[in-house]
């Protein structure tokens, strides 16, 4: 697409009298690559490292547990727990993440990210949602901070996905 990928950003929030409910982060991106290529790019640890984390270690099958990492690992870096929920090529890949090491990922202790893929012209429409902020049991300040942190991060990383997927689809 001229000028970069078109990303539709919708931060779903529900207004309440007592404050704001931090719901689901939603993004839609058109990617100039087939659903098969895009599925590989969002589900394979090797491809994930091309557009999102610096490290990724997990089996890309339902129940597959591992971790993704951000930063320079010689002084430490940051590892985040990661568990695959669904892997349905080339339509759906979902995972839970951010749960404490040693815990099994479940609603209430982790966030759920879902990538839905659908053919769109000569490419793929990717819908990404992330939910679970409120369910973590955090106080209002932490929910708001984590929600804002994830919005900022997705807004940085998701625009990298179409560029990487196009290269992957071209065999680069």
N, C-alpha and C. Protein backbone atom coordinates (compact mmCIF):
# COMPACT_ATOMS: atom_id res chain seq x y z
N UNK A 1 0.85 -1.17 0.00
CA UNK A 1 0.00 0.00 0.00
C UNK A 1 0.90 1.24 0.00
N UNK A 2 0.59 2.25 -0.81
CA UNK A 2 1.40 3.45 -0.84
C UNK A 2 1.41 4.11 0.54
N UNK A 3 2.60 4.55 0.95
CA UNK A 3 2.72 5.25 2.23
C UNK A 3 2.71 4.33 3.42
N UNK A 4 2.82 3.03 3.22
CA UNK A 4 2.87 2.10 4.34
C UNK A 4 1.55 1.39 4.55
N UNK A 5 1.52 0.46 5.46
CA UNK A 5 0.31 -0.34 5.68
C UNK A 5 -0.81 0.48 6.30
N UNK A 6 -2.01 0.15 5.89
CA UNK A 6 -3.17 0.80 6.50
C UNK A 6 -3.53 0.01 7.75
N UNK A 7 -3.45 0.66 8.88
CA UNK A 7 -3.76 0.00 10.15
C UNK A 7 -4.93 0.72 10.76
N UNK A 8 -5.99 -0.02 11.01
CA UNK A 8 -7.15 0.55 11.67
C UNK A 8 -6.98 0.28 13.15
N UNK A 9 -6.99 1.34 13.93
CA UNK A 9 -6.77 1.19 15.36
C UNK A 9 -8.04 1.51 16.11
N UNK A 10 -8.48 0.54 16.89
CA UNK A 10 -9.66 0.73 17.71
C UNK A 10 -9.32 0.28 19.12
N UNK A 11 -9.33 1.21 20.04
CA UNK A 11 -9.14 0.87 21.44
C UNK A 11 -10.52 0.82 22.05
N UNK A 12 -10.99 -0.39 22.30
CA UNK A 12 -12.33 -0.56 22.82
C UNK A 12 -12.33 -0.24 24.31
N UNK A 13 -13.03 0.79 24.68
CA UNK A 13 -13.19 1.11 26.09
C UNK A 13 -14.65 1.39 26.35
N UNK A 14 -15.10 0.99 27.50
CA UNK A 14 -16.48 1.22 27.89
C UNK A 14 -16.48 2.23 29.02
N UNK A 15 -17.27 3.28 28.89
CA UNK A 15 -17.37 4.28 29.94
C UNK A 15 -18.26 3.76 31.06
N UNK A 16 -17.81 3.97 32.27
CA UNK A 16 -18.61 3.62 33.44
C UNK A 16 -18.63 4.83 34.35
N UNK A 17 -19.61 4.91 35.20
CA UNK A 17 -19.73 6.03 36.12
C UNK A 17 -18.50 6.12 37.01
N UNK A 18 -18.01 5.00 37.50
CA UNK A 18 -16.89 4.99 38.44
C UNK A 18 -15.54 5.17 37.75
N UNK A 19 -15.49 5.15 36.44
CA UNK A 19 -14.21 5.29 35.76
C UNK A 19 -14.26 4.68 34.38
N UNK A 20 -13.12 4.20 33.93
CA UNK A 20 -13.04 3.64 32.59
C UNK A 20 -12.73 2.16 32.67
N UNK A 21 -13.39 1.39 31.85
CA UNK A 21 -13.15 -0.05 31.76
C UNK A 21 -12.18 -0.28 30.60
N UNK A 22 -11.02 -0.87 30.89
CA UNK A 22 -10.02 -1.12 29.86
C UNK A 22 -10.29 -2.49 29.27
N UNK A 23 -10.87 -2.48 28.06
CA UNK A 23 -11.33 -3.71 27.44
C UNK A 23 -10.32 -4.32 26.51
N UNK A 24 -10.68 -4.38 25.26
CA UNK A 24 -9.90 -5.09 24.26
C UNK A 24 -9.21 -4.11 23.32
N UNK A 25 -7.96 -4.37 23.06
CA UNK A 25 -7.23 -3.62 22.02
C UNK A 25 -7.50 -4.35 20.71
N UNK A 26 -7.89 -3.62 19.68
CA UNK A 26 -8.17 -4.22 18.38
C UNK A 26 -7.40 -3.48 17.30
N UNK A 27 -6.84 -4.23 16.37
CA UNK A 27 -6.16 -3.65 15.21
C UNK A 27 -6.52 -4.48 13.99
N UNK A 28 -6.60 -3.82 12.82
CA UNK A 28 -6.78 -4.50 11.54
C UNK A 28 -5.71 -4.00 10.60
N UNK A 29 -5.10 -4.93 9.88
CA UNK A 29 -4.03 -4.58 8.94
C UNK A 29 -4.24 -5.38 7.66
N UNK A 30 -4.07 -4.72 6.54
CA UNK A 30 -4.02 -5.44 5.27
C UNK A 30 -2.57 -5.74 4.98
N UNK A 31 -2.28 -7.00 4.63
CA UNK A 31 -0.91 -7.43 4.38
C UNK A 31 -0.84 -8.00 2.98
N UNK A 32 0.15 -7.55 2.23
CA UNK A 32 0.34 -8.02 0.85
C UNK A 32 1.10 -9.35 0.84
N UNK A 33 0.46 -10.36 1.40
CA UNK A 33 1.00 -11.72 1.42
C UNK A 33 -0.19 -12.66 1.65
N UNK A 34 -0.04 -13.90 1.25
CA UNK A 34 -1.14 -14.87 1.39
C UNK A 34 -1.40 -15.19 2.86
N UNK A 35 -2.61 -15.67 3.18
CA UNK A 35 -2.88 -16.09 4.56
C UNK A 35 -1.89 -17.15 5.06
N UNK A 36 -1.44 -18.03 4.17
CA UNK A 36 -0.47 -19.06 4.58
C UNK A 36 0.83 -18.43 5.05
N UNK A 37 1.31 -17.43 4.31
CA UNK A 37 2.55 -16.73 4.69
C UNK A 37 2.33 -15.96 5.98
N UNK A 38 1.22 -15.23 6.08
CA UNK A 38 0.94 -14.43 7.27
C UNK A 38 0.81 -15.33 8.49
N UNK A 39 0.15 -16.48 8.34
CA UNK A 39 0.04 -17.41 9.45
C UNK A 39 1.43 -17.81 9.95
N UNK A 40 2.32 -18.17 9.04
CA UNK A 40 3.68 -18.53 9.43
C UNK A 40 4.37 -17.37 10.15
N UNK A 41 4.16 -16.16 9.66
CA UNK A 41 4.82 -14.98 10.24
C UNK A 41 4.33 -14.68 11.65
N UNK A 42 3.06 -14.97 11.96
CA UNK A 42 2.56 -14.69 13.31
C UNK A 42 2.65 -15.90 14.25
N UNK A 43 2.99 -17.09 13.72
CA UNK A 43 2.98 -18.28 14.57
C UNK A 43 4.34 -18.95 14.74
N UNK A 44 5.28 -18.66 13.90
CA UNK A 44 6.58 -19.32 13.95
C UNK A 44 7.58 -18.48 14.75
N UNK A 45 8.23 -19.07 15.76
CA UNK A 45 9.21 -18.29 16.53
C UNK A 45 10.27 -17.63 15.66
N UNK A 46 10.73 -18.33 14.62
CA UNK A 46 11.75 -17.75 13.74
C UNK A 46 11.24 -16.51 13.02
N UNK A 47 10.01 -16.56 12.55
CA UNK A 47 9.43 -15.39 11.88
C UNK A 47 9.05 -14.30 12.87
N UNK A 48 8.55 -14.67 14.03
CA UNK A 48 8.18 -13.67 15.04
C UNK A 48 9.35 -12.74 15.33
N UNK A 49 10.55 -13.32 15.42
CA UNK A 49 11.75 -12.51 15.71
C UNK A 49 12.03 -11.49 14.63
N UNK A 50 11.43 -11.64 13.45
CA UNK A 50 11.65 -10.70 12.37
C UNK A 50 10.86 -9.41 12.49
N UNK A 51 9.82 -9.42 13.33
CA UNK A 51 9.00 -8.20 13.42
C UNK A 51 8.57 -7.83 14.84
N UNK A 52 8.71 -8.75 15.81
CA UNK A 52 8.19 -8.44 17.15
C UNK A 52 9.24 -8.65 18.22
N UNK A 53 9.35 -9.83 18.88
CA UNK A 53 10.32 -9.93 19.97
C UNK A 53 11.73 -10.16 19.42
N UNK A 54 12.71 -9.96 20.30
CA UNK A 54 14.09 -10.22 19.93
C UNK A 54 14.40 -11.71 20.00
N UNK A 55 13.69 -12.43 20.85
CA UNK A 55 13.85 -13.88 20.99
C UNK A 55 12.47 -14.51 21.12
N UNK A 56 12.35 -15.75 20.66
CA UNK A 56 11.08 -16.48 20.80
C UNK A 56 11.40 -17.97 20.87
N UNK A 57 10.86 -18.62 21.90
CA UNK A 57 11.08 -20.04 22.11
C UNK A 57 9.75 -20.67 22.54
N UNK A 58 9.07 -21.35 21.61
CA UNK A 58 7.83 -22.05 21.94
C UNK A 58 7.45 -22.97 20.80
N UNK A 59 6.80 -24.09 21.10
CA UNK A 59 6.25 -24.93 20.04
C UNK A 59 4.95 -24.30 19.55
N UNK A 60 4.81 -24.16 18.24
CA UNK A 60 3.64 -23.48 17.66
C UNK A 60 2.45 -24.42 17.50
N UNK A 61 2.05 -25.04 18.60
CA UNK A 61 0.92 -25.96 18.61
C UNK A 61 0.10 -25.68 19.87
N UNK A 62 -1.21 -25.91 19.84
CA UNK A 62 -2.02 -25.67 21.02
C UNK A 62 -1.42 -26.31 22.27
N UNK A 63 -1.33 -25.51 23.32
CA UNK A 63 -0.73 -25.97 24.57
C UNK A 63 0.77 -25.75 24.64
N UNK A 64 1.38 -25.38 23.51
CA UNK A 64 2.82 -25.16 23.47
C UNK A 64 3.21 -23.99 24.36
N UNK A 65 4.07 -24.26 25.33
CA UNK A 65 4.49 -23.23 26.27
C UNK A 65 5.95 -22.88 26.05
N UNK A 66 6.24 -21.62 26.22
CA UNK A 66 7.60 -21.14 26.05
C UNK A 66 7.70 -19.71 26.52
N UNK A 67 8.49 -18.93 25.80
CA UNK A 67 8.68 -17.54 26.18
C UNK A 67 9.14 -16.72 24.98
N UNK A 68 8.91 -15.43 25.09
CA UNK A 68 9.45 -14.48 24.12
C UNK A 68 10.27 -13.47 24.92
N UNK A 69 11.27 -12.89 24.25
CA UNK A 69 12.16 -11.99 24.97
C UNK A 69 12.39 -10.69 24.23
N UNK A 70 12.58 -9.66 25.02
CA UNK A 70 12.82 -8.32 24.49
C UNK A 70 14.09 -7.76 25.09
N UNK A 71 14.92 -7.16 24.25
CA UNK A 71 16.12 -6.48 24.74
C UNK A 71 17.39 -7.26 24.51
N UNK A 72 18.46 -6.72 25.05
CA UNK A 72 19.79 -7.31 24.94
C UNK A 72 19.95 -8.31 26.09
N UNK A 73 20.19 -9.58 25.75
CA UNK A 73 20.20 -10.61 26.78
C UNK A 73 21.56 -10.81 27.44
N UNK A 74 22.61 -10.13 26.95
CA UNK A 74 23.88 -10.24 27.66
C UNK A 74 23.80 -9.59 29.04
N UNK A 75 23.12 -8.41 29.18
CA UNK A 75 22.93 -7.88 30.54
C UNK A 75 21.64 -8.36 31.20
N UNK A 76 20.82 -9.10 30.50
CA UNK A 76 19.61 -9.61 31.14
C UNK A 76 18.40 -9.70 30.24
N UNK A 77 18.00 -8.62 29.59
CA UNK A 77 16.80 -8.64 28.76
C UNK A 77 15.55 -8.94 29.58
N UNK A 78 14.41 -9.00 28.92
CA UNK A 78 13.15 -9.27 29.60
C UNK A 78 12.47 -10.45 28.92
N UNK A 79 12.25 -11.53 29.67
CA UNK A 79 11.53 -12.68 29.15
C UNK A 79 10.07 -12.60 29.58
N UNK A 80 9.17 -12.98 28.68
CA UNK A 80 7.73 -12.98 28.95
C UNK A 80 7.21 -14.37 28.63
N UNK A 81 6.44 -14.95 29.56
CA UNK A 81 5.88 -16.28 29.36
C UNK A 81 4.85 -16.25 28.22
N UNK A 82 4.72 -17.35 27.49
CA UNK A 82 3.95 -17.41 26.25
C UNK A 82 3.39 -18.83 26.10
N UNK A 83 2.08 -18.96 25.90
CA UNK A 83 1.46 -20.28 25.71
C UNK A 83 0.48 -20.22 24.54
N UNK A 84 0.66 -21.09 23.57
CA UNK A 84 -0.22 -21.15 22.41
C UNK A 84 -1.58 -21.70 22.83
N UNK A 85 -2.66 -21.02 22.42
CA UNK A 85 -4.02 -21.47 22.71
C UNK A 85 -4.57 -22.21 21.49
N UNK A 86 -4.56 -21.56 20.33
CA UNK A 86 -5.07 -22.16 19.09
C UNK A 86 -4.10 -21.93 17.95
N UNK A 87 -3.99 -22.90 17.07
CA UNK A 87 -3.21 -22.77 15.84
C UNK A 87 -3.99 -23.49 14.75
N UNK A 88 -4.69 -22.72 13.92
CA UNK A 88 -5.53 -23.27 12.86
C UNK A 88 -5.08 -22.64 11.54
N UNK A 89 -4.07 -23.25 10.89
CA UNK A 89 -3.55 -22.67 9.65
C UNK A 89 -4.61 -22.69 8.55
N UNK A 90 -4.69 -21.71 7.71
CA UNK A 90 -4.03 -20.40 7.79
C UNK A 90 -4.98 -19.32 8.31
N UNK A 91 -5.83 -19.66 9.27
CA UNK A 91 -6.90 -18.73 9.66
C UNK A 91 -6.77 -18.10 11.03
N UNK A 92 -6.16 -18.81 11.99
CA UNK A 92 -6.23 -18.34 13.37
C UNK A 92 -5.00 -18.78 14.15
N UNK A 93 -4.44 -17.84 14.90
CA UNK A 93 -3.38 -18.16 15.84
C UNK A 93 -3.63 -17.32 17.08
N UNK A 94 -3.67 -17.97 18.24
CA UNK A 94 -3.88 -17.22 19.48
C UNK A 94 -2.96 -17.75 20.57
N UNK A 95 -2.66 -16.86 21.51
CA UNK A 95 -1.79 -17.23 22.61
C UNK A 95 -2.12 -16.41 23.85
N UNK A 96 -1.73 -16.94 24.98
CA UNK A 96 -1.79 -16.22 26.24
C UNK A 96 -0.36 -15.87 26.61
N UNK A 97 -0.21 -14.69 27.20
CA UNK A 97 1.13 -14.27 27.59
C UNK A 97 1.07 -13.36 28.81
N UNK A 98 2.23 -13.08 29.34
CA UNK A 98 2.44 -12.20 30.49
C UNK A 98 2.08 -12.85 31.82
N UNK A 99 1.85 -14.16 31.86
CA UNK A 99 1.62 -14.84 33.13
C UNK A 99 2.97 -15.09 33.82
N UNK A 100 2.91 -15.29 35.11
CA UNK A 100 4.13 -15.50 35.90
C UNK A 100 4.78 -16.82 35.54
N UNK A 101 6.11 -16.84 35.57
CA UNK A 101 6.84 -18.07 35.31
C UNK A 101 6.41 -19.13 36.32
N UNK A 102 6.20 -20.35 35.84
CA UNK A 102 5.78 -21.44 36.71
C UNK A 102 4.27 -21.59 36.79
N UNK A 103 3.51 -20.61 36.30
CA UNK A 103 2.05 -20.71 36.29
C UNK A 103 1.59 -21.17 34.92
N UNK A 104 0.51 -21.93 34.87
CA UNK A 104 -0.12 -22.27 33.60
C UNK A 104 -0.97 -21.09 33.17
N UNK A 105 -0.88 -20.73 31.91
CA UNK A 105 -1.65 -19.59 31.39
C UNK A 105 -3.14 -19.90 31.47
N UNK A 106 -3.91 -18.93 31.97
CA UNK A 106 -5.35 -19.09 32.11
C UNK A 106 -5.99 -17.71 32.20
N UNK A 107 -7.31 -17.62 31.94
CA UNK A 107 -7.98 -16.34 32.18
C UNK A 107 -7.73 -15.93 33.64
N UNK A 108 -7.44 -14.68 33.84
CA UNK A 108 -7.20 -14.18 35.19
C UNK A 108 -5.73 -14.00 35.52
N UNK A 109 -4.82 -14.71 34.80
CA UNK A 109 -3.40 -14.52 35.08
C UNK A 109 -2.59 -14.17 33.84
N UNK A 110 -3.28 -13.98 32.70
CA UNK A 110 -2.57 -13.69 31.46
C UNK A 110 -3.49 -12.94 30.49
N UNK A 111 -2.89 -12.34 29.50
CA UNK A 111 -3.66 -11.69 28.43
C UNK A 111 -3.79 -12.65 27.26
N UNK A 112 -4.88 -12.52 26.52
CA UNK A 112 -5.13 -13.35 25.34
C UNK A 112 -4.98 -12.50 24.10
N UNK A 113 -4.11 -12.94 23.18
CA UNK A 113 -3.94 -12.29 21.89
C UNK A 113 -4.44 -13.24 20.82
N UNK A 114 -5.26 -12.72 19.91
CA UNK A 114 -5.83 -13.53 18.83
C UNK A 114 -5.51 -12.84 17.50
N UNK A 115 -4.92 -13.60 16.58
CA UNK A 115 -4.71 -13.15 15.20
C UNK A 115 -5.68 -13.94 14.34
N UNK A 116 -6.64 -13.23 13.72
CA UNK A 116 -7.56 -13.85 12.78
C UNK A 116 -7.15 -13.40 11.38
N UNK A 117 -7.08 -14.34 10.44
CA UNK A 117 -6.62 -14.06 9.08
C UNK A 117 -7.72 -14.39 8.09
N UNK A 118 -7.90 -13.50 7.14
CA UNK A 118 -8.89 -13.80 6.09
C UNK A 118 -8.36 -13.26 4.76
N UNK A 119 -8.55 -14.06 3.68
CA UNK A 119 -8.10 -13.59 2.37
C UNK A 119 -8.78 -12.27 2.03
N UNK A 120 -8.00 -11.36 1.44
CA UNK A 120 -8.52 -10.05 1.04
C UNK A 120 -7.81 -9.63 -0.23
N UNK A 121 -8.49 -9.79 -1.35
CA UNK A 121 -7.85 -9.48 -2.63
C UNK A 121 -6.64 -10.39 -2.83
N UNK A 122 -5.50 -9.80 -3.13
CA UNK A 122 -4.29 -10.60 -3.33
C UNK A 122 -3.50 -10.76 -2.03
N UNK A 123 -4.08 -10.32 -0.93
CA UNK A 123 -3.37 -10.40 0.34
C UNK A 123 -4.22 -10.98 1.44
N UNK A 124 -4.00 -10.46 2.65
CA UNK A 124 -4.66 -10.97 3.85
C UNK A 124 -5.08 -9.82 4.74
N UNK A 125 -6.28 -9.92 5.29
CA UNK A 125 -6.71 -9.00 6.34
C UNK A 125 -6.42 -9.69 7.66
N UNK A 126 -5.60 -9.06 8.49
CA UNK A 126 -5.28 -9.59 9.81
C UNK A 126 -6.01 -8.76 10.84
N UNK A 127 -6.76 -9.45 11.70
CA UNK A 127 -7.42 -8.80 12.84
C UNK A 127 -6.72 -9.29 14.09
N UNK A 128 -6.21 -8.35 14.87
CA UNK A 128 -5.54 -8.68 16.12
C UNK A 128 -6.35 -8.12 17.27
N UNK A 129 -6.59 -8.95 18.28
CA UNK A 129 -7.23 -8.46 19.50
C UNK A 129 -6.38 -8.91 20.69
N UNK A 130 -6.34 -8.07 21.70
CA UNK A 130 -5.72 -8.45 22.96
C UNK A 130 -6.69 -8.09 24.07
N UNK A 131 -6.95 -9.04 24.94
CA UNK A 131 -7.89 -8.84 26.05
C UNK A 131 -7.31 -9.45 27.32
N UNK A 132 -7.97 -9.13 28.44
CA UNK A 132 -7.60 -9.73 29.70
C UNK A 132 -7.03 -8.78 30.72
N UNK A 133 -6.96 -7.50 30.41
CA UNK A 133 -6.35 -6.52 31.33
C UNK A 133 -7.14 -6.42 32.63
N UNK A 134 -8.43 -6.24 32.53
CA UNK A 134 -9.29 -6.07 33.70
C UNK A 134 -9.34 -7.36 34.53
N UNK A 135 -9.30 -8.49 33.87
CA UNK A 135 -9.44 -9.78 34.55
C UNK A 135 -8.24 -10.14 35.42
N UNK A 136 -7.17 -9.40 35.31
CA UNK A 136 -5.94 -9.72 36.06
C UNK A 136 -6.04 -9.42 37.55
N UNK A 137 -7.05 -8.64 37.97
CA UNK A 137 -7.19 -8.31 39.38
C UNK A 137 -6.31 -7.17 39.84
N UNK A 138 -5.74 -6.45 38.89
CA UNK A 138 -4.88 -5.32 39.22
C UNK A 138 -5.72 -4.13 39.67
N UNK A 139 -5.09 -3.19 40.41
CA UNK A 139 -5.79 -1.96 40.76
C UNK A 139 -5.92 -1.09 39.51
N UNK A 140 -6.77 -0.06 39.59
CA UNK A 140 -7.07 0.80 38.43
C UNK A 140 -5.81 1.37 37.78
N UNK A 141 -4.88 1.84 38.60
CA UNK A 141 -3.68 2.46 38.06
C UNK A 141 -2.85 1.47 37.25
N UNK A 142 -2.72 0.24 37.74
CA UNK A 142 -1.93 -0.76 37.02
C UNK A 142 -2.65 -1.21 35.76
N UNK A 143 -3.97 -1.38 35.81
CA UNK A 143 -4.73 -1.75 34.61
C UNK A 143 -4.53 -0.68 33.54
N UNK A 144 -4.69 0.59 33.91
CA UNK A 144 -4.54 1.69 32.95
C UNK A 144 -3.13 1.73 32.38
N UNK A 145 -2.12 1.54 33.24
CA UNK A 145 -0.73 1.60 32.79
C UNK A 145 -0.41 0.44 31.84
N UNK A 146 -0.84 -0.77 32.18
CA UNK A 146 -0.56 -1.93 31.33
C UNK A 146 -1.30 -1.82 29.99
N UNK A 147 -2.55 -1.36 30.03
CA UNK A 147 -3.33 -1.18 28.81
C UNK A 147 -2.63 -0.18 27.89
N UNK A 148 -2.22 0.95 28.44
CA UNK A 148 -1.53 1.98 27.65
C UNK A 148 -0.19 1.46 27.12
N UNK A 149 0.52 0.70 27.94
CA UNK A 149 1.81 0.13 27.53
C UNK A 149 1.63 -0.80 26.34
N UNK A 150 0.59 -1.64 26.38
CA UNK A 150 0.35 -2.58 25.29
C UNK A 150 -0.12 -1.87 24.02
N UNK A 151 -0.93 -0.83 24.16
CA UNK A 151 -1.33 -0.04 22.98
C UNK A 151 -0.09 0.54 22.30
N UNK A 152 0.78 1.15 23.09
CA UNK A 152 2.01 1.74 22.54
C UNK A 152 2.86 0.68 21.86
N UNK A 153 3.01 -0.46 22.49
CA UNK A 153 3.84 -1.52 21.92
C UNK A 153 3.25 -2.07 20.61
N UNK A 154 1.94 -2.39 20.59
CA UNK A 154 1.33 -2.88 19.36
C UNK A 154 1.42 -1.84 18.26
N UNK A 155 1.24 -0.57 18.61
CA UNK A 155 1.33 0.48 17.59
C UNK A 155 2.74 0.60 17.02
N UNK A 156 3.73 0.17 17.76
CA UNK A 156 5.11 0.16 17.26
C UNK A 156 5.38 -1.11 16.44
N UNK A 157 5.00 -2.27 16.97
CA UNK A 157 5.38 -3.53 16.34
C UNK A 157 4.50 -3.94 15.16
N UNK A 158 3.19 -3.74 15.23
CA UNK A 158 2.32 -4.21 14.14
C UNK A 158 2.63 -3.61 12.78
N UNK A 159 3.02 -2.33 12.67
CA UNK A 159 3.38 -1.81 11.34
C UNK A 159 4.60 -2.51 10.73
N UNK A 160 5.38 -3.19 11.52
CA UNK A 160 6.53 -3.94 11.02
C UNK A 160 6.12 -5.26 10.39
N UNK A 161 4.96 -5.79 10.80
CA UNK A 161 4.50 -7.09 10.33
C UNK A 161 4.26 -7.14 8.81
N UNK A 162 3.54 -6.18 8.21
CA UNK A 162 3.31 -6.26 6.76
C UNK A 162 4.61 -6.20 5.94
N UNK A 163 5.54 -5.40 6.39
CA UNK A 163 6.82 -5.29 5.68
C UNK A 163 7.56 -6.61 5.73
N UNK A 164 7.63 -7.20 6.93
CA UNK A 164 8.31 -8.48 7.09
C UNK A 164 7.58 -9.58 6.31
N UNK A 165 6.25 -9.63 6.40
CA UNK A 165 5.47 -10.67 5.73
C UNK A 165 5.65 -10.60 4.21
N UNK A 166 5.70 -9.39 3.65
CA UNK A 166 5.91 -9.24 2.21
C UNK A 166 7.26 -9.82 1.80
N UNK A 167 8.29 -9.57 2.62
CA UNK A 167 9.61 -10.13 2.33
C UNK A 167 9.60 -11.64 2.47
N UNK A 168 8.95 -12.15 3.52
CA UNK A 168 8.87 -13.59 3.74
C UNK A 168 8.13 -14.27 2.59
N UNK A 169 7.08 -13.62 2.10
CA UNK A 169 6.29 -14.17 0.99
C UNK A 169 7.05 -14.17 -0.32
N UNK A 170 8.01 -13.25 -0.44
CA UNK A 170 8.83 -13.16 -1.65
C UNK A 170 10.04 -14.09 -1.56
N UNK A 171 10.15 -14.79 -0.44
CA UNK A 171 11.26 -15.73 -0.28
C UNK A 171 12.53 -15.08 0.20
N UNK A 172 12.43 -13.83 0.72
CA UNK A 172 13.65 -13.13 1.18
C UNK A 172 14.06 -13.59 2.54
